[in-house]
Amino acid sequence: MRKIESILIIANGSREDINCLRALAKEHDYIIALDGGADTALAAGVMPDLALGDLDSISAAAKKKLGALRLFQIPRQDNTDLEKGLDFAAFLRPRNVTIACAAGGRIDFTLSNFSSVFSYTKKLNIVFKGCGWRIYPIEKTTKFSCKKGAKVSIMPVDNFSRISLKNLVFPLKNAIFGPGQTAVSNISLKNNFTVQLKGRLLVMIYD
């Protein structure tokens, strides 16, 4: 049986640069396209292993190219296509999941994508990726690799978070963040930094 260590999920948000998407595809063992994300994948020359969702936005041409065996329609409407994709990914039990093309387009979809993944972070190591940026949803102390000088922003998603930052130009020690508080455009002093955390947080790295 094919062992799957890493999964790339291609969502139906704004299309990513073709070369970036191709490079991401080569780094992963299995590729899931979410509905119209199949058109994005095929336009970049990337063949998904599976296209799933309610399949209301995938084109007829993409359906024909993928064939019935690569299509998985899930008609339920009480969760998003990204949640459907993450449910399937969790079933395959990979080590890592990367989500591409999840931003842009409708703002409510983008915000939903970034917030809904916290239901899966205990099962999956998740990262959102695009050209030159990464976003990590975390719930525990985490050490990140990056380029020296990379810009780092943090956005708590809980009503109360206690945060310490190390190896950044503007460090924090047991800082309490309440609703709406963020810390943007920090800068890494080394090729790594650490976030100590009690709460839930989005960590954005631009390098």
N, C-alpha and C. Protein backbone atom coordinates (compact mmCIF):
# COMPACT_ATOMS: atom_id res chain seq x y z
N MET A 1 0.84 -1.20 0.00
CA MET A 1 0.00 0.00 0.00
C MET A 1 0.88 1.25 0.00
N ARG A 2 0.51 2.23 -0.79
CA ARG A 2 1.27 3.46 -0.89
C ARG A 2 1.26 4.22 0.43
N LYS A 3 2.45 4.51 0.96
CA LYS A 3 2.55 5.25 2.22
C LYS A 3 2.53 6.75 1.93
N ILE A 4 1.66 7.44 2.60
CA ILE A 4 1.49 8.87 2.38
C ILE A 4 1.99 9.64 3.60
N GLU A 5 3.10 10.35 3.43
CA GLU A 5 3.68 11.14 4.51
C GLU A 5 3.21 12.59 4.47
N SER A 6 2.95 13.09 3.26
CA SER A 6 2.59 14.51 3.13
C SER A 6 1.52 14.68 2.06
N ILE A 7 0.61 15.59 2.34
CA ILE A 7 -0.51 15.86 1.43
C ILE A 7 -0.54 17.34 1.10
N LEU A 8 -0.73 17.65 -0.17
CA LEU A 8 -0.97 19.02 -0.62
C LEU A 8 -2.45 19.16 -0.94
N ILE A 9 -3.09 20.13 -0.30
CA ILE A 9 -4.49 20.45 -0.59
C ILE A 9 -4.52 21.75 -1.39
N ILE A 10 -5.10 21.71 -2.57
CA ILE A 10 -5.23 22.90 -3.42
C ILE A 10 -6.66 23.38 -3.33
N ALA A 11 -6.85 24.53 -2.69
CA ALA A 11 -8.19 25.07 -2.48
C ALA A 11 -8.65 25.87 -3.70
N ASN A 12 -9.82 26.45 -3.58
CA ASN A 12 -10.42 27.17 -4.71
C ASN A 12 -10.41 28.67 -4.49
N GLY A 13 -9.32 29.17 -3.86
CA GLY A 13 -9.17 30.60 -3.69
C GLY A 13 -8.43 31.20 -4.88
N SER A 14 -7.70 32.28 -4.65
CA SER A 14 -6.94 32.89 -5.74
C SER A 14 -5.87 31.93 -6.23
N ARG A 15 -5.68 31.90 -7.54
CA ARG A 15 -4.69 30.99 -8.11
C ARG A 15 -3.28 31.40 -7.74
N GLU A 16 -2.47 30.43 -7.39
CA GLU A 16 -1.09 30.65 -7.02
C GLU A 16 -0.23 30.68 -8.29
N ASP A 17 0.94 31.28 -8.21
CA ASP A 17 1.89 31.26 -9.31
C ASP A 17 2.13 29.81 -9.76
N ILE A 18 2.11 29.59 -11.06
CA ILE A 18 2.21 28.24 -11.62
C ILE A 18 3.47 27.54 -11.13
N ASN A 19 4.60 28.22 -11.19
CA ASN A 19 5.86 27.59 -10.78
C ASN A 19 5.86 27.23 -9.30
N CYS A 20 5.29 28.10 -8.47
CA CYS A 20 5.19 27.81 -7.03
C CYS A 20 4.31 26.59 -6.79
N LEU A 21 3.19 26.51 -7.49
CA LEU A 21 2.28 25.39 -7.29
C LEU A 21 2.92 24.09 -7.76
N ARG A 22 3.62 24.14 -8.87
CA ARG A 22 4.31 22.94 -9.35
C ARG A 22 5.37 22.48 -8.35
N ALA A 23 6.11 23.44 -7.80
CA ALA A 23 7.15 23.09 -6.83
C ALA A 23 6.53 22.46 -5.58
N LEU A 24 5.42 23.00 -5.11
CA LEU A 24 4.74 22.43 -3.95
C LEU A 24 4.26 21.01 -4.25
N ALA A 25 3.73 20.81 -5.44
CA ALA A 25 3.23 19.48 -5.81
C ALA A 25 4.34 18.44 -5.77
N LYS A 26 5.53 18.81 -6.20
CA LYS A 26 6.65 17.86 -6.21
C LYS A 26 7.12 17.49 -4.81
N GLU A 27 6.80 18.32 -3.84
CA GLU A 27 7.25 18.08 -2.46
C GLU A 27 6.31 17.17 -1.68
N HIS A 28 5.19 16.76 -2.26
CA HIS A 28 4.17 16.02 -1.53
C HIS A 28 3.85 14.68 -2.18
N ASP A 29 3.40 13.75 -1.35
CA ASP A 29 3.10 12.40 -1.81
C ASP A 29 1.72 12.26 -2.44
N TYR A 30 0.81 13.13 -2.04
CA TYR A 30 -0.59 12.99 -2.46
C TYR A 30 -1.18 14.38 -2.60
N ILE A 31 -2.02 14.58 -3.63
CA ILE A 31 -2.58 15.90 -3.91
C ILE A 31 -4.10 15.82 -3.94
N ILE A 32 -4.72 16.65 -3.12
CA ILE A 32 -6.18 16.76 -3.08
C ILE A 32 -6.56 18.14 -3.61
N ALA A 33 -7.45 18.19 -4.58
CA ALA A 33 -7.98 19.46 -5.08
C ALA A 33 -9.39 19.63 -4.53
N LEU A 34 -9.71 20.81 -4.06
CA LEU A 34 -11.02 21.09 -3.51
C LEU A 34 -11.90 21.74 -4.57
N ASP A 35 -12.81 20.96 -5.11
CA ASP A 35 -13.79 21.46 -6.08
C ASP A 35 -13.10 22.21 -7.23
N GLY A 36 -13.37 23.51 -7.37
CA GLY A 36 -12.76 24.28 -8.45
C GLY A 36 -11.26 24.40 -8.36
N GLY A 37 -10.69 24.00 -7.21
CA GLY A 37 -9.24 23.95 -7.10
C GLY A 37 -8.64 22.97 -8.08
N ALA A 38 -9.45 22.04 -8.59
CA ALA A 38 -8.98 21.10 -9.61
C ALA A 38 -8.61 21.84 -10.89
N ASP A 39 -9.39 22.87 -11.24
CA ASP A 39 -9.06 23.67 -12.42
C ASP A 39 -7.76 24.42 -12.22
N THR A 40 -7.54 24.93 -10.99
CA THR A 40 -6.29 25.61 -10.68
C THR A 40 -5.11 24.65 -10.83
N ALA A 41 -5.26 23.46 -10.29
CA ALA A 41 -4.19 22.46 -10.36
C ALA A 41 -3.88 22.10 -11.82
N LEU A 42 -4.90 21.79 -12.59
CA LEU A 42 -4.70 21.37 -13.97
C LEU A 42 -4.11 22.50 -14.81
N ALA A 43 -4.50 23.73 -14.53
CA ALA A 43 -3.94 24.87 -15.27
C ALA A 43 -2.45 25.02 -15.03
N ALA A 44 -1.98 24.52 -13.87
CA ALA A 44 -0.56 24.58 -13.53
C ALA A 44 0.17 23.31 -13.98
N GLY A 45 -0.55 22.39 -14.60
CA GLY A 45 0.07 21.14 -15.02
C GLY A 45 0.22 20.14 -13.90
N VAL A 46 -0.59 20.30 -12.85
CA VAL A 46 -0.55 19.40 -11.69
C VAL A 46 -1.79 18.50 -11.73
N MET A 47 -1.59 17.20 -11.71
CA MET A 47 -2.70 16.25 -11.72
C MET A 47 -3.03 15.83 -10.29
N PRO A 48 -4.20 16.21 -9.78
CA PRO A 48 -4.58 15.78 -8.43
C PRO A 48 -4.82 14.27 -8.37
N ASP A 49 -4.51 13.69 -7.22
CA ASP A 49 -4.89 12.30 -6.99
C ASP A 49 -6.39 12.19 -6.78
N LEU A 50 -6.98 13.28 -6.26
CA LEU A 50 -8.41 13.27 -5.98
C LEU A 50 -8.93 14.70 -5.98
N ALA A 51 -10.11 14.90 -6.55
CA ALA A 51 -10.83 16.17 -6.44
C ALA A 51 -12.09 15.90 -5.65
N LEU A 52 -12.31 16.65 -4.57
CA LEU A 52 -13.47 16.38 -3.73
C LEU A 52 -14.16 17.68 -3.31
N GLY A 53 -15.36 17.51 -2.77
CA GLY A 53 -16.18 18.62 -2.34
C GLY A 53 -17.58 18.43 -2.86
N ASP A 54 -18.39 19.50 -2.81
CA ASP A 54 -19.73 19.36 -3.37
C ASP A 54 -19.71 19.41 -4.90
N LEU A 55 -18.53 19.77 -5.44
CA LEU A 55 -18.30 19.75 -6.90
C LEU A 55 -19.27 20.64 -7.67
N ASP A 56 -19.56 21.82 -7.09
CA ASP A 56 -20.45 22.76 -7.78
C ASP A 56 -19.69 23.83 -8.55
N SER A 57 -18.36 23.87 -8.41
CA SER A 57 -17.59 24.89 -9.11
C SER A 57 -16.51 24.33 -10.03
N ILE A 58 -16.26 23.04 -10.00
CA ILE A 58 -15.30 22.43 -10.91
C ILE A 58 -15.87 22.46 -12.33
N SER A 59 -15.03 22.71 -13.31
CA SER A 59 -15.51 22.79 -14.69
C SER A 59 -15.77 21.41 -15.27
N ALA A 60 -16.59 21.38 -16.30
CA ALA A 60 -16.86 20.12 -17.00
C ALA A 60 -15.59 19.57 -17.63
N ALA A 61 -14.74 20.48 -18.13
CA ALA A 61 -13.49 20.05 -18.75
C ALA A 61 -12.57 19.38 -17.74
N ALA A 62 -12.52 19.93 -16.50
CA ALA A 62 -11.69 19.33 -15.45
C ALA A 62 -12.24 17.97 -15.05
N LYS A 63 -13.55 17.87 -14.93
CA LYS A 63 -14.16 16.58 -14.60
C LYS A 63 -13.79 15.52 -15.64
N LYS A 64 -13.86 15.90 -16.91
CA LYS A 64 -13.55 14.96 -17.98
C LYS A 64 -12.09 14.53 -17.93
N LYS A 65 -11.20 15.50 -17.68
CA LYS A 65 -9.78 15.18 -17.64
C LYS A 65 -9.42 14.29 -16.46
N LEU A 66 -10.06 14.53 -15.32
CA LEU A 66 -9.76 13.74 -14.13
C LEU A 66 -10.36 12.34 -14.22
N GLY A 67 -11.55 12.23 -14.76
CA GLY A 67 -12.22 10.94 -14.82
C GLY A 67 -12.93 10.60 -13.52
N ALA A 68 -13.86 9.69 -13.59
CA ALA A 68 -14.72 9.38 -12.45
C ALA A 68 -13.96 8.88 -11.24
N LEU A 69 -12.85 8.17 -11.46
CA LEU A 69 -12.12 7.58 -10.34
C LEU A 69 -11.39 8.62 -9.50
N ARG A 70 -11.20 9.83 -10.04
CA ARG A 70 -10.52 10.88 -9.29
C ARG A 70 -11.49 11.92 -8.74
N LEU A 71 -12.77 11.67 -8.84
CA LEU A 71 -13.79 12.60 -8.35
C LEU A 71 -14.52 12.00 -7.16
N PHE A 72 -14.69 12.78 -6.12
CA PHE A 72 -15.38 12.32 -4.92
C PHE A 72 -16.33 13.43 -4.48
N GLN A 73 -17.61 13.26 -4.80
CA GLN A 73 -18.60 14.27 -4.46
C GLN A 73 -19.12 14.04 -3.04
N ILE A 74 -19.08 15.10 -2.24
CA ILE A 74 -19.59 15.06 -0.87
C ILE A 74 -20.67 16.15 -0.79
N PRO A 75 -21.93 15.81 -0.92
CA PRO A 75 -22.98 16.82 -1.07
C PRO A 75 -23.34 17.58 0.19
N ARG A 76 -22.91 17.13 1.37
CA ARG A 76 -23.32 17.81 2.61
C ARG A 76 -22.90 19.28 2.59
N GLN A 77 -23.74 20.14 3.15
CA GLN A 77 -23.51 21.58 3.12
C GLN A 77 -23.23 22.18 4.49
N ASP A 78 -23.06 21.34 5.52
CA ASP A 78 -22.84 21.87 6.86
C ASP A 78 -21.37 22.03 7.21
N ASN A 79 -20.48 21.81 6.23
CA ASN A 79 -19.07 22.15 6.43
C ASN A 79 -18.48 22.61 5.09
N THR A 80 -17.29 23.19 5.14
CA THR A 80 -16.69 23.74 3.94
C THR A 80 -15.93 22.67 3.16
N ASP A 81 -15.57 23.01 1.93
CA ASP A 81 -14.78 22.07 1.14
C ASP A 81 -13.43 21.83 1.79
N LEU A 82 -12.85 22.86 2.43
CA LEU A 82 -11.57 22.65 3.12
C LEU A 82 -11.73 21.65 4.26
N GLU A 83 -12.79 21.76 5.01
CA GLU A 83 -13.03 20.80 6.09
C GLU A 83 -13.23 19.39 5.53
N LYS A 84 -13.92 19.30 4.41
CA LYS A 84 -14.08 17.99 3.76
C LYS A 84 -12.71 17.42 3.37
N GLY A 85 -11.84 18.29 2.82
CA GLY A 85 -10.51 17.86 2.42
C GLY A 85 -9.66 17.44 3.61
N LEU A 86 -9.76 18.18 4.71
CA LEU A 86 -8.99 17.84 5.90
C LEU A 86 -9.51 16.56 6.57
N ASP A 87 -10.82 16.33 6.51
CA ASP A 87 -11.38 15.08 7.01
C ASP A 87 -10.79 13.89 6.24
N PHE A 88 -10.72 14.05 4.92
CA PHE A 88 -10.17 12.97 4.10
C PHE A 88 -8.68 12.81 4.37
N ALA A 89 -7.98 13.93 4.49
CA ALA A 89 -6.55 13.87 4.78
C ALA A 89 -6.29 13.17 6.11
N ALA A 90 -7.08 13.46 7.12
CA ALA A 90 -6.91 12.83 8.43
C ALA A 90 -7.11 11.32 8.33
N PHE A 91 -8.02 10.90 7.46
CA PHE A 91 -8.24 9.46 7.25
C PHE A 91 -6.98 8.79 6.70
N LEU A 92 -6.24 9.51 5.85
CA LEU A 92 -5.01 8.95 5.26
C LEU A 92 -3.84 8.99 6.22
N ARG A 93 -3.96 9.77 7.29
CA ARG A 93 -2.97 9.84 8.38
C ARG A 93 -1.56 10.22 7.89
N PRO A 94 -1.43 11.35 7.21
CA PRO A 94 -0.09 11.80 6.81
C PRO A 94 0.61 12.47 7.97
N ARG A 95 1.89 12.73 7.80
CA ARG A 95 2.63 13.47 8.81
C ARG A 95 2.37 14.98 8.68
N ASN A 96 2.30 15.46 7.44
CA ASN A 96 2.17 16.90 7.20
C ASN A 96 1.13 17.18 6.12
N VAL A 97 0.44 18.32 6.27
CA VAL A 97 -0.53 18.78 5.28
C VAL A 97 -0.23 20.24 4.94
N THR A 98 -0.06 20.52 3.65
CA THR A 98 0.12 21.88 3.17
C THR A 98 -1.12 22.30 2.41
N ILE A 99 -1.58 23.52 2.66
CA ILE A 99 -2.77 24.05 2.00
C ILE A 99 -2.36 25.23 1.12
N ALA A 100 -2.67 25.15 -0.16
CA ALA A 100 -2.35 26.22 -1.11
C ALA A 100 -3.65 26.80 -1.68
N CYS A 101 -3.55 28.03 -2.16
CA CYS A 101 -4.68 28.71 -2.83
C CYS A 101 -5.90 28.85 -1.91
N ALA A 102 -5.66 29.03 -0.62
CA ALA A 102 -6.76 29.14 0.34
C ALA A 102 -7.13 30.58 0.65
N ALA A 103 -6.35 31.53 0.16
CA ALA A 103 -6.61 32.95 0.41
C ALA A 103 -7.11 33.62 -0.87
N GLY A 104 -7.63 34.82 -0.72
CA GLY A 104 -8.13 35.54 -1.89
C GLY A 104 -9.56 35.17 -2.18
N GLY A 105 -10.14 35.85 -3.16
CA GLY A 105 -11.54 35.59 -3.46
C GLY A 105 -12.42 36.17 -2.37
N ARG A 106 -13.47 35.48 -2.01
CA ARG A 106 -14.39 35.96 -0.98
C ARG A 106 -13.72 35.99 0.39
N ILE A 107 -13.84 37.13 1.08
CA ILE A 107 -13.18 37.31 2.36
C ILE A 107 -13.72 36.33 3.39
N ASP A 108 -15.03 36.04 3.37
CA ASP A 108 -15.57 35.12 4.36
C ASP A 108 -14.99 33.72 4.19
N PHE A 109 -14.74 33.31 2.94
CA PHE A 109 -14.12 32.01 2.71
C PHE A 109 -12.68 31.99 3.24
N THR A 110 -11.95 33.07 3.00
CA THR A 110 -10.56 33.15 3.46
C THR A 110 -10.49 33.07 4.98
N LEU A 111 -11.31 33.87 5.66
CA LEU A 111 -11.31 33.86 7.13
C LEU A 111 -11.74 32.51 7.67
N SER A 112 -12.73 31.90 7.02
CA SER A 112 -13.19 30.58 7.44
C SER A 112 -12.07 29.55 7.30
N ASN A 113 -11.31 29.63 6.19
CA ASN A 113 -10.23 28.67 5.97
C ASN A 113 -9.19 28.75 7.08
N PHE A 114 -8.80 29.96 7.47
CA PHE A 114 -7.75 30.11 8.47
C PHE A 114 -8.23 29.72 9.87
N SER A 115 -9.49 29.91 10.16
CA SER A 115 -9.99 29.60 11.50
C SER A 115 -10.41 28.14 11.66
N SER A 116 -10.93 27.53 10.60
CA SER A 116 -11.48 26.18 10.73
C SER A 116 -10.41 25.12 10.93
N VAL A 117 -9.15 25.41 10.54
CA VAL A 117 -8.11 24.37 10.64
C VAL A 117 -7.75 24.01 12.07
N PHE A 118 -8.11 24.87 13.04
CA PHE A 118 -7.76 24.56 14.43
C PHE A 118 -8.49 23.33 14.95
N SER A 119 -9.53 22.91 14.26
CA SER A 119 -10.21 21.67 14.64
C SER A 119 -9.38 20.44 14.27
N TYR A 120 -8.31 20.66 13.49
CA TYR A 120 -7.52 19.53 12.97
C TYR A 120 -6.06 19.54 13.42
N THR A 121 -5.64 20.56 14.14
CA THR A 121 -4.22 20.70 14.45
C THR A 121 -3.70 19.66 15.43
N LYS A 122 -4.59 19.02 16.17
CA LYS A 122 -4.13 17.95 17.07
C LYS A 122 -3.87 16.65 16.29
N LYS A 123 -4.44 16.54 15.09
CA LYS A 123 -4.27 15.34 14.27
C LYS A 123 -3.23 15.54 13.17
N LEU A 124 -3.12 16.76 12.68
CA LEU A 124 -2.31 17.02 11.49
C LEU A 124 -1.38 18.22 11.72
N ASN A 125 -0.17 18.16 11.15
CA ASN A 125 0.72 19.32 11.10
C ASN A 125 0.35 20.11 9.85
N ILE A 126 -0.25 21.28 10.05
CA ILE A 126 -0.83 22.03 8.94
C ILE A 126 -0.06 23.32 8.71
N VAL A 127 0.13 23.66 7.44
CA VAL A 127 0.69 24.96 7.07
C VAL A 127 0.02 25.44 5.79
N PHE A 128 -0.30 26.72 5.75
CA PHE A 128 -0.75 27.37 4.52
C PHE A 128 0.48 27.91 3.82
N LYS A 129 0.56 27.73 2.50
CA LYS A 129 1.73 28.24 1.77
C LYS A 129 1.32 28.95 0.49
N GLY A 130 2.13 29.99 0.18
CA GLY A 130 2.05 30.69 -1.09
C GLY A 130 3.46 31.12 -1.47
N CYS A 131 3.59 31.86 -2.53
CA CYS A 131 4.91 32.32 -2.96
C CYS A 131 5.47 33.32 -1.95
N GLY A 132 6.51 32.91 -1.23
CA GLY A 132 7.19 33.81 -0.30
C GLY A 132 6.54 33.94 1.06
N TRP A 133 5.52 33.15 1.35
CA TRP A 133 4.90 33.26 2.67
C TRP A 133 4.38 31.91 3.14
N ARG A 134 4.29 31.79 4.48
CA ARG A 134 3.74 30.61 5.14
C ARG A 134 2.93 31.06 6.35
N ILE A 135 1.86 30.34 6.65
CA ILE A 135 1.05 30.62 7.82
C ILE A 135 0.83 29.32 8.58
N TYR A 136 1.21 29.33 9.85
CA TYR A 136 1.10 28.13 10.70
C TYR A 136 0.04 28.36 11.77
N PRO A 137 -0.96 27.49 11.88
CA PRO A 137 -1.86 27.53 13.04
C PRO A 137 -1.25 26.68 14.15
N ILE A 138 -0.99 27.29 15.30
CA ILE A 138 -0.33 26.54 16.38
C ILE A 138 -1.10 26.68 17.69
N GLU A 139 -0.91 25.67 18.57
CA GLU A 139 -1.55 25.67 19.88
C GLU A 139 -0.56 25.31 20.98
N LYS A 140 0.72 25.31 20.65
CA LYS A 140 1.74 24.98 21.63
C LYS A 140 3.05 25.65 21.25
N THR A 141 4.02 25.63 22.15
CA THR A 141 5.33 26.21 21.88
C THR A 141 5.94 25.56 20.64
N THR A 142 6.44 26.39 19.71
CA THR A 142 6.93 25.89 18.43
C THR A 142 8.17 26.67 18.01
N LYS A 143 9.15 25.96 17.46
CA LYS A 143 10.35 26.57 16.90
C LYS A 143 10.24 26.55 15.38
N PHE A 144 10.50 27.69 14.75
CA PHE A 144 10.35 27.83 13.30
C PHE A 144 11.70 28.09 12.64
N SER A 145 11.90 27.50 11.48
CA SER A 145 13.05 27.81 10.64
C SER A 145 12.64 28.87 9.64
N CYS A 146 13.58 29.76 9.33
CA CYS A 146 13.29 30.83 8.38
C CYS A 146 14.61 31.45 7.92
N LYS A 147 14.54 32.36 6.98
CA LYS A 147 15.72 33.12 6.59
C LYS A 147 15.96 34.23 7.62
N LYS A 148 17.23 34.52 7.88
CA LYS A 148 17.53 35.65 8.74
C LYS A 148 16.97 36.91 8.09
N GLY A 149 16.27 37.72 8.86
CA GLY A 149 15.66 38.92 8.32
C GLY A 149 14.24 38.72 7.84
N ALA A 150 13.72 37.51 7.95
CA ALA A 150 12.34 37.25 7.54
C ALA A 150 11.37 38.06 8.39
N LYS A 151 10.28 38.51 7.78
CA LYS A 151 9.24 39.22 8.52
C LYS A 151 8.30 38.20 9.16
N VAL A 152 7.95 38.48 10.39
CA VAL A 152 7.11 37.56 11.16
C VAL A 152 5.95 38.35 11.79
N SER A 153 4.75 37.84 11.60
CA SER A 153 3.57 38.43 12.23
C SER A 153 2.81 37.36 12.98
N ILE A 154 2.16 37.75 14.06
CA ILE A 154 1.36 36.79 14.83
C ILE A 154 -0.04 37.35 15.03
N MET A 155 -1.01 36.44 15.02
CA MET A 155 -2.41 36.83 15.18
C MET A 155 -3.11 35.82 16.08
N PRO A 156 -3.32 36.14 17.35
CA PRO A 156 -4.05 35.24 18.24
C PRO A 156 -5.50 35.08 17.78
N VAL A 157 -6.06 33.91 18.01
CA VAL A 157 -7.45 33.66 17.64
C VAL A 157 -8.31 33.35 18.87
N ASP A 158 -7.72 33.40 20.06
CA ASP A 158 -8.47 33.19 21.30
C ASP A 158 -8.73 34.52 21.99
N ASN A 159 -9.64 34.51 22.95
CA ASN A 159 -9.88 35.72 23.74
C ASN A 159 -8.73 36.04 24.67
N PHE A 160 -7.92 35.01 24.97
CA PHE A 160 -6.79 35.22 25.88
C PHE A 160 -5.65 34.31 25.44
N SER A 161 -4.50 34.92 25.15
CA SER A 161 -3.31 34.16 24.79
C SER A 161 -2.11 34.74 25.52
N ARG A 162 -1.22 33.88 26.01
CA ARG A 162 0.01 34.32 26.66
C ARG A 162 1.16 33.92 25.73
N ILE A 163 1.98 34.90 25.32
CA ILE A 163 2.94 34.68 24.25
C ILE A 163 4.32 35.20 24.63
N SER A 164 5.35 34.39 24.33
CA SER A 164 6.74 34.82 24.41
C SER A 164 7.39 34.58 23.06
N LEU A 165 8.22 35.51 22.62
CA LEU A 165 8.92 35.41 21.34
C LEU A 165 10.41 35.51 21.55
N LYS A 166 11.18 34.60 20.93
CA LYS A 166 12.63 34.62 21.03
C LYS A 166 13.26 34.68 19.64
N ASN A 167 14.41 35.35 19.54
CA ASN A 167 15.18 35.52 18.30
C ASN A 167 14.49 36.42 17.30
N LEU A 168 13.69 37.34 17.81
CA LEU A 168 13.07 38.36 16.96
C LEU A 168 13.49 39.74 17.44
N VAL A 169 13.48 40.72 16.53
CA VAL A 169 13.90 42.08 16.88
C VAL A 169 13.09 42.63 18.04
N PHE A 170 11.80 42.34 18.04
CA PHE A 170 10.93 42.79 19.12
C PHE A 170 10.46 41.56 19.90
N PRO A 171 11.20 41.18 20.96
CA PRO A 171 10.84 39.98 21.73
C PRO A 171 9.64 40.26 22.64
N LEU A 172 9.03 39.20 23.09
CA LEU A 172 7.96 39.30 24.08
C LEU A 172 8.23 38.27 25.17
N LYS A 173 7.78 38.56 26.37
CA LYS A 173 7.90 37.60 27.47
C LYS A 173 6.59 37.58 28.25
N ASN A 174 5.88 36.46 28.12
CA ASN A 174 4.60 36.27 28.80
C ASN A 174 3.64 37.43 28.56
N ALA A 175 3.63 37.91 27.33
CA ALA A 175 2.71 38.99 26.97
C ALA A 175 1.30 38.43 26.82
N ILE A 176 0.33 39.17 27.33
CA ILE A 176 -1.06 38.75 27.25
C ILE A 176 -1.74 39.48 26.09
N PHE A 177 -2.28 38.72 25.17
CA PHE A 177 -2.99 39.27 24.03
C PHE A 177 -4.48 38.99 24.19
N GLY A 178 -5.29 40.02 24.07
CA GLY A 178 -6.73 39.89 24.13
C GLY A 178 -7.35 39.95 22.74
N PRO A 179 -8.67 40.01 22.66
CA PRO A 179 -9.36 40.03 21.36
C PRO A 179 -8.90 41.19 20.48
N GLY A 180 -8.56 40.88 19.25
CA GLY A 180 -8.21 41.91 18.28
C GLY A 180 -6.76 42.35 18.31
N GLN A 181 -5.98 41.93 19.31
CA GLN A 181 -4.58 42.33 19.38
C GLN A 181 -3.72 41.46 18.46
N THR A 182 -2.83 42.11 17.72
CA THR A 182 -1.90 41.39 16.85
C THR A 182 -0.52 42.00 16.99
N ALA A 183 0.49 41.33 16.44
CA ALA A 183 1.85 41.86 16.40
C ALA A 183 2.39 41.57 15.00
N VAL A 184 2.57 42.62 14.22
CA VAL A 184 2.91 42.43 12.81
C VAL A 184 4.29 43.00 12.48
N SER A 185 4.88 42.45 11.41
CA SER A 185 6.13 42.94 10.84
C SER A 185 7.30 42.91 11.82
N ASN A 186 7.38 41.88 12.65
CA ASN A 186 8.58 41.63 13.43
C ASN A 186 9.64 41.09 12.48
N ILE A 187 10.88 40.98 12.93
CA ILE A 187 11.96 40.54 12.05
C ILE A 187 12.82 39.50 12.76
N SER A 188 13.12 38.41 12.06
CA SER A 188 13.94 37.35 12.64
C SER A 188 15.40 37.77 12.70
N LEU A 189 16.03 37.55 13.86
CA LEU A 189 17.44 37.88 14.04
C LEU A 189 18.36 36.75 13.59
N LYS A 190 17.82 35.54 13.47
CA LYS A 190 18.60 34.36 13.10
C LYS A 190 17.83 33.58 12.05
N ASN A 191 18.28 32.36 11.79
CA ASN A 191 17.55 31.51 10.84
C ASN A 191 16.53 30.64 11.55
N ASN A 192 16.14 31.06 12.74
CA ASN A 192 15.06 30.39 13.46
C ASN A 192 14.55 31.32 14.54
N PHE A 193 13.35 31.07 15.01
CA PHE A 193 12.78 31.80 16.14
C PHE A 193 11.79 30.87 16.85
N THR A 194 11.47 31.22 18.08
CA THR A 194 10.60 30.38 18.88
C THR A 194 9.40 31.18 19.39
N VAL A 195 8.25 30.55 19.32
CA VAL A 195 7.03 31.11 19.91
C VAL A 195 6.61 30.21 21.06
N GLN A 196 6.65 30.75 22.28
CA GLN A 196 6.11 30.04 23.44
C GLN A 196 4.68 30.51 23.63
N LEU A 197 3.78 29.57 23.85
CA LEU A 197 2.37 29.93 23.71
C LEU A 197 1.47 29.16 24.66
N LYS A 198 0.51 29.88 25.22
CA LYS A 198 -0.66 29.29 25.84
C LYS A 198 -1.86 29.93 25.15
N GLY A 199 -2.49 29.18 24.29
CA GLY A 199 -3.59 29.71 23.49
C GLY A 199 -3.51 29.17 22.08
N ARG A 200 -4.13 29.89 21.14
CA ARG A 200 -4.10 29.50 19.73
C ARG A 200 -3.66 30.71 18.91
N LEU A 201 -2.85 30.45 17.90
CA LEU A 201 -2.17 31.54 17.22
C LEU A 201 -1.92 31.20 15.75
N LEU A 202 -2.04 32.21 14.88
CA LEU A 202 -1.56 32.10 13.51
C LEU A 202 -0.21 32.79 13.44
N VAL A 203 0.80 32.08 12.97
CA VAL A 203 2.15 32.63 12.81
C VAL A 203 2.43 32.76 11.33
N MET A 204 2.69 33.98 10.87
CA MET A 204 2.91 34.26 9.46
C MET A 204 4.36 34.63 9.21
N ILE A 205 4.98 33.92 8.28
CA ILE A 205 6.39 34.14 7.96
C ILE A 205 6.50 34.55 6.50
N TYR A 206 7.17 35.66 6.26
CA TYR A 206 7.35 36.17 4.89
C TYR A 206 8.86 36.16 4.59
N ASP A 207 9.30 35.14 3.83
CA ASP A 207 10.73 35.07 3.49
C ASP A 207 10.92 34.53 2.07
